[in-house]
Amino acid sequence: MNTDPRIDVAETVYRFAYGIDQRDWDAYRAIFVQPPIEIEFDYSSYHGRPATRMSVDAWIAGITPLFTALDATQHSMTNPLVEIEGDAARCRVYMQATHFLWRHDLEAMTGSTEPEFTIGGHYDDHLVRVDGRWRIDRVALSVRWRRGNPAIMDLAGGART
């Protein structure tokens, strides 16, 4: 633990990106509040569906097939703005999430030879201090821009051949 709790909050948020990119689901799971508490995930700016609440295990079970099917990802988070009030914190970070899928049939399957899809924007996360450690209990993504071939995400999310 650092002497400045804002660093601990920011590091917890950075571990969100690290866990996904390394496909280290145990490390990823450890940054969230644990069951029976549910986490609110708001990715409405990405896919248009409303925010949802679920257990961290359900969330990880839902995203694992997609990220396992992608060949590589790099999630970058910068410029954390952290506000702490007691045992609660808010952290906003700029983000870029780059996803790659290399396939011989990419053009036939997606209409493009582009193997990359990147989004940029920011995350607004809410964290709580539990047993002296910061844990995420709410994630909200605000997508500001997109670049590349978004169809690779649908292709990776389906059966991979």
C-alpha atoms as a PDB file:
ATOM      1  CA  MET A   1       0.000   0.000   0.000  1.00  0.00           C
ATOM      2  CA  ASN A   2       1.133   3.490  -0.814  1.00  0.00           C
ATOM      3  CA  THR A   3       0.903   6.440   1.544  1.00  0.00           C
ATOM      4  CA  ASP A   4      -1.306   8.260  -0.975  1.00  0.00           C
ATOM      5  CA  PRO A   5      -4.579   6.317  -1.320  1.00  0.00           C
ATOM      6  CA  ARG A   6      -5.195   7.918  -4.738  1.00  0.00           C
ATOM      7  CA  ILE A   7      -2.298   5.845  -6.076  1.00  0.00           C
ATOM      8  CA  ASP A   8      -3.890   2.670  -4.696  1.00  0.00           C
ATOM      9  CA  VAL A   9      -7.197   3.564  -6.361  1.00  0.00           C
ATOM     10  CA  ALA A  10      -5.507   4.267  -9.699  1.00  0.00           C
ATOM     11  CA  GLU A  11      -3.496   1.039  -9.484  1.00  0.00           C
ATOM     12  CA  THR A  12      -6.662  -0.967  -8.893  1.00  0.00           C
ATOM     13  CA  VAL A  13      -8.187   0.582 -12.019  1.00  0.00           C
ATOM     14  CA  TYR A  14      -5.002  -0.096 -14.018  1.00  0.00           C
ATOM     15  CA  ARG A  15      -5.210  -3.742 -12.982  1.00  0.00           C
ATOM     16  CA  PHE A  16      -8.555  -3.884 -14.812  1.00  0.00           C
ATOM     17  CA  ALA A  17      -6.667  -3.423 -18.094  1.00  0.00           C
ATOM     18  CA  TYR A  18      -3.800  -5.675 -17.076  1.00  0.00           C
ATOM     19  CA  GLY A  19      -6.057  -8.584 -16.101  1.00  0.00           C
ATOM     20  CA  ILE A  20      -7.896  -8.526 -19.423  1.00  0.00           C
ATOM     21  CA  ASP A  21      -4.778  -8.170 -21.567  1.00  0.00           C
ATOM     22  CA  GLN A  22      -2.936 -10.948 -19.716  1.00  0.00           C
ATOM     23  CA  ARG A  23      -6.061 -13.140 -19.619  1.00  0.00           C
ATOM     24  CA  ASP A  24      -5.357 -13.446 -15.902  1.00  0.00           C
ATOM     25  CA  TRP A  25      -8.913 -13.908 -14.716  1.00  0.00           C
ATOM     26  CA  ASP A  26      -7.940 -14.543 -11.081  1.00  0.00           C
ATOM     27  CA  ALA A  27      -6.065 -11.231 -10.889  1.00  0.00           C
ATOM     28  CA  TYR A  28      -8.916  -9.531 -12.728  1.00  0.00           C
ATOM     29  CA  ARG A  29     -11.502 -10.978 -10.333  1.00  0.00           C
ATOM     30  CA  ALA A  30      -9.486  -9.721  -7.337  1.00  0.00           C
ATOM     31  CA  ILE A  31     -10.002  -6.033  -8.227  1.00  0.00           C
ATOM     32  CA  PHE A  32     -13.778  -6.223  -7.814  1.00  0.00           C
ATOM     33  CA  VAL A  33     -16.015  -6.453  -4.770  1.00  0.00           C
ATOM     34  CA  GLN A  34     -16.741 -10.076  -4.033  1.00  0.00           C
ATOM     35  CA  PRO A  35     -20.080 -11.906  -4.052  1.00  0.00           C
ATOM     36  CA  PRO A  36     -22.758 -11.616  -2.934  1.00  0.00           C
ATOM     37  CA  ILE A  37     -22.303  -7.956  -3.921  1.00  0.00           C
ATOM     38  CA  GLU A  38     -23.080  -7.321  -7.558  1.00  0.00           C
ATOM     39  CA  ILE A  39     -21.179  -4.895  -9.775  1.00  0.00           C
ATOM     40  CA  GLU A  40     -22.800  -2.377 -12.085  1.00  0.00           C
ATOM     41  CA  PHE A  41     -21.370  -2.488 -15.609  1.00  0.00           C
ATOM     42  CA  ASP A  42     -22.385   0.328 -17.950  1.00  0.00           C
ATOM     43  CA  TYR A  43     -21.152  -0.203 -21.489  1.00  0.00           C
ATOM     44  CA  SER A  44     -24.179   1.458 -23.070  1.00  0.00           C
ATOM     45  CA  SER A  45     -22.014   3.936 -24.994  1.00  0.00           C
ATOM     46  CA  TYR A  46     -20.312   0.967 -26.661  1.00  0.00           C
ATOM     47  CA  HIS A  47     -23.219  -1.338 -27.508  1.00  0.00           C
ATOM     48  CA  GLY A  48     -26.413   0.608 -26.744  1.00  0.00           C
ATOM     49  CA  ARG A  49     -27.787  -1.786 -24.143  1.00  0.00           C
ATOM     50  CA  PRO A  50     -28.590  -0.414 -20.676  1.00  0.00           C
ATOM     51  CA  ALA A  51     -26.285  -0.833 -17.694  1.00  0.00           C
ATOM     52  CA  THR A  52     -26.596  -4.111 -15.838  1.00  0.00           C
ATOM     53  CA  ARG A  53     -25.786  -5.468 -12.382  1.00  0.00           C
ATOM     54  CA  MET A  54     -24.237  -8.897 -11.983  1.00  0.00           C
ATOM     55  CA  SER A  55     -21.744 -10.892  -9.998  1.00  0.00           C
ATOM     56  CA  VAL A  56     -18.100 -10.591 -10.967  1.00  0.00           C
ATOM     57  CA  ASP A  57     -18.092 -14.300 -11.819  1.00  0.00           C
ATOM     58  CA  ALA A  58     -20.980 -13.858 -14.260  1.00  0.00           C
ATOM     59  CA  TRP A  59     -19.217 -10.864 -15.826  1.00  0.00           C
ATOM     60  CA  ILE A  60     -15.960 -12.788 -16.269  1.00  0.00           C
ATOM     61  CA  ALA A  61     -17.783 -15.820 -17.662  1.00  0.00           C
ATOM     62  CA  GLY A  62     -19.371 -13.515 -20.234  1.00  0.00           C
ATOM     63  CA  ILE A  63     -16.205 -11.761 -21.405  1.00  0.00           C
ATOM     64  CA  THR A  64     -13.739 -14.658 -21.270  1.00  0.00           C
ATOM     65  CA  PRO A  65     -14.795 -16.272 -24.579  1.00  0.00           C
ATOM     66  CA  LEU A  66     -14.447 -12.969 -26.464  1.00  0.00           C
ATOM     67  CA  PHE A  67     -11.040 -12.033 -25.086  1.00  0.00           C
ATOM     68  CA  THR A  68      -9.736 -15.583 -25.349  1.00  0.00           C
ATOM     69  CA  ALA A  69     -10.735 -15.645 -29.031  1.00  0.00           C
ATOM     70  CA  LEU A  70      -8.974 -12.371 -29.842  1.00  0.00           C
ATOM     71  CA  ASP A  71      -5.312 -12.781 -30.761  1.00  0.00           C
ATOM     72  CA  ALA A  72      -4.153  -9.766 -28.772  1.00  0.00           C
ATOM     73  CA  THR A  73      -5.479  -6.766 -26.876  1.00  0.00           C
ATOM     74  CA  GLN A  74      -3.957  -3.716 -25.299  1.00  0.00           C
ATOM     75  CA  HIS A  75      -5.990  -1.606 -22.912  1.00  0.00           C
ATOM     76  CA  SER A  76      -4.260   1.627 -21.934  1.00  0.00           C
ATOM     77  CA  MET A  77      -5.481   3.864 -19.134  1.00  0.00           C
ATOM     78  CA  THR A  78      -4.002   7.272 -18.385  1.00  0.00           C
ATOM     79  CA  ASN A  79      -4.498  10.539 -16.506  1.00  0.00           C
ATOM     80  CA  PRO A  80      -6.364   9.221 -13.463  1.00  0.00           C
ATOM     81  CA  LEU A  81      -8.510  11.731 -11.617  1.00  0.00           C
ATOM     82  CA  VAL A  82      -9.268  10.283  -8.199  1.00  0.00           C
ATOM     83  CA  GLU A  83     -11.678  11.609  -5.593  1.00  0.00           C
ATOM     84  CA  ILE A  84     -11.918   9.887  -2.220  1.00  0.00           C
ATOM     85  CA  GLU A  85     -14.644  10.341   0.381  1.00  0.00           C
ATOM     86  CA  GLY A  86     -14.096   8.034   3.338  1.00  0.00           C
ATOM     87  CA  ASP A  87     -14.206   4.443   2.130  1.00  0.00           C
ATOM     88  CA  ALA A  88     -15.548   5.337  -1.323  1.00  0.00           C
ATOM     89  CA  ALA A  89     -13.668   6.620  -4.359  1.00  0.00           C
ATOM     90  CA  ARG A  90     -14.309   7.695  -7.907  1.00  0.00           C
ATOM     91  CA  CYS A  91     -11.682   7.364 -10.609  1.00  0.00           C
ATOM     92  CA  ARG A  92     -11.890   8.698 -14.153  1.00  0.00           C
ATOM     93  CA  VAL A  93      -9.228   7.577 -16.618  1.00  0.00           C
ATOM     94  CA  TYR A  94      -8.757   8.136 -20.314  1.00  0.00           C
ATOM     95  CA  MET A  95      -8.691   4.820 -22.129  1.00  0.00           C
ATOM     96  CA  GLN A  96      -7.839   3.213 -25.431  1.00  0.00           C
ATOM     97  CA  ALA A  97      -8.679  -0.409 -26.049  1.00  0.00           C
ATOM     98  CA  THR A  98      -7.074  -2.044 -29.071  1.00  0.00           C
ATOM     99  CA  HIS A  99      -8.198  -5.486 -30.203  1.00  0.00           C
ATOM    100  CA  PHE A 100      -6.618  -7.737 -32.848  1.00  0.00           C
ATOM    101  CA  LEU A 101      -7.908 -10.777 -34.710  1.00  0.00           C
ATOM    102  CA  TRP A 102      -5.764 -12.271 -37.458  1.00  0.00           C
ATOM    103  CA  ARG A 103      -7.553 -14.804 -39.666  1.00  0.00           C
ATOM    104  CA  HIS A 104      -7.042 -16.019 -43.198  1.00  0.00           C
ATOM    105  CA  ASP A 105     -10.764 -15.547 -43.904  1.00  0.00           C
ATOM    106  CA  LEU A 106     -11.106 -12.113 -42.274  1.00  0.00           C
ATOM    107  CA  GLU A 107     -12.221 -10.347 -45.457  1.00  0.00           C
ATOM    108  CA  ALA A 108     -14.777 -13.039 -46.275  1.00  0.00           C
ATOM    109  CA  MET A 109     -16.122 -12.998 -42.728  1.00  0.00           C
ATOM    110  CA  THR A 110     -16.115  -9.239 -42.041  1.00  0.00           C
ATOM    111  CA  GLY A 111     -15.859  -7.509 -45.421  1.00  0.00           C
ATOM    112  CA  SER A 112     -12.480  -6.030 -44.455  1.00  0.00           C
ATOM    113  CA  THR A 113      -8.869  -7.162 -44.240  1.00  0.00           C
ATOM    114  CA  GLU A 114      -8.335  -4.851 -41.230  1.00  0.00           C
ATOM    115  CA  PRO A 115      -7.468  -7.035 -38.182  1.00  0.00           C
ATOM    116  CA  GLU A 116      -7.706  -4.178 -35.642  1.00  0.00           C
ATOM    117  CA  PHE A 117     -10.512  -2.434 -33.809  1.00  0.00           C
ATOM    118  CA  THR A 118      -9.783   0.342 -31.322  1.00  0.00           C
ATOM    119  CA  ILE A 119     -12.045   2.435 -29.142  1.00  0.00           C
ATOM    120  CA  GLY A 120     -11.145   5.488 -27.118  1.00  0.00           C
ATOM    121  CA  GLY A 121     -12.846   7.457 -24.396  1.00  0.00           C
ATOM    122  CA  HIS A 122     -12.841   7.251 -20.638  1.00  0.00           C
ATOM    123  CA  TYR A 123     -13.887   5.065 -17.750  1.00  0.00           C
ATOM    124  CA  ASP A 124     -15.687   6.354 -14.680  1.00  0.00           C
ATOM    125  CA  ASP A 125     -15.240   3.771 -11.956  1.00  0.00           C
ATOM    126  CA  HIS A 126     -16.523   3.686  -8.393  1.00  0.00           C
ATOM    127  CA  LEU A 127     -14.553   1.839  -5.754  1.00  0.00           C
ATOM    128  CA  VAL A 128     -15.018   0.955  -2.110  1.00  0.00           C
ATOM    129  CA  ARG A 129     -12.384   0.161   0.490  1.00  0.00           C
ATOM    130  CA  VAL A 130     -12.829  -3.379   1.798  1.00  0.00           C
ATOM    131  CA  ASP A 131     -10.410  -4.746   4.413  1.00  0.00           C
ATOM    132  CA  GLY A 132      -7.968  -1.962   3.565  1.00  0.00           C
ATOM    133  CA  ARG A 133      -7.987  -2.604  -0.223  1.00  0.00           C
ATOM    134  CA  TRP A 134      -9.799  -0.738  -2.973  1.00  0.00           C
ATOM    135  CA  ARG A 135     -12.335  -2.783  -4.941  1.00  0.00           C
ATOM    136  CA  ILE A 136     -14.388  -1.762  -7.974  1.00  0.00           C
ATOM    137  CA  ASP A 137     -18.173  -1.911  -7.609  1.00  0.00           C
ATOM    138  CA  ARG A 138     -19.220   0.177 -10.628  1.00  0.00           C
ATOM    139  CA  VAL A 139     -17.714   0.535 -14.109  1.00  0.00           C
ATOM    140  CA  ALA A 140     -18.972   2.995 -16.718  1.00  0.00           C
ATOM    141  CA  LEU A 141     -17.393   3.323 -20.146  1.00  0.00           C
ATOM    142  CA  SER A 142     -17.885   6.420 -22.297  1.00  0.00           C
ATOM    143  CA  VAL A 143     -16.760   5.737 -25.865  1.00  0.00           C
ATOM    144  CA  ARG A 144     -15.735   8.905 -27.705  1.00  0.00           C
ATOM    145  CA  TRP A 145     -14.290   7.425 -30.887  1.00  0.00           C
ATOM    146  CA  ARG A 146     -13.838   4.188 -32.830  1.00  0.00           C
ATOM    147  CA  ARG A 147     -11.319   3.148 -35.457  1.00  0.00           C
ATOM    148  CA  GLY A 148     -10.828   0.021 -37.529  1.00  0.00           C
ATOM    149  CA  ASN A 149     -12.938  -3.058 -38.098  1.00  0.00           C
ATOM    150  CA  PRO A 150     -15.619  -3.484 -35.396  1.00  0.00           C
ATOM    151  CA  ALA A 151     -16.790  -6.722 -37.042  1.00  0.00           C
ATOM    152  CA  ILE A 152     -13.791  -8.554 -35.544  1.00  0.00           C
ATOM    153  CA  MET A 153     -15.451  -8.220 -32.150  1.00  0.00           C
ATOM    154  CA  ASP A 154     -18.580 -10.037 -33.344  1.00  0.00           C
ATOM    155  CA  LEU A 155     -16.467 -12.637 -35.100  1.00  0.00           C
ATOM    156  CA  ALA A 156     -14.341 -13.263 -32.005  1.00  0.00           C
ATOM    157  CA  GLY A 157     -17.449 -13.388 -29.827  1.00  0.00           C
ATOM    158  CA  GLY A 158     -18.866 -16.252 -31.916  1.00  0.00           C
ATOM    159  CA  ALA A 159     -17.425 -19.646 -32.642  1.00  0.00           C
ATOM    160  CA  ARG A 160     -13.826 -19.400 -33.799  1.00  0.00           C
ATOM    161  CA  THR A 161     -12.798 -21.616 -36.696  1.00  0.00           C
END
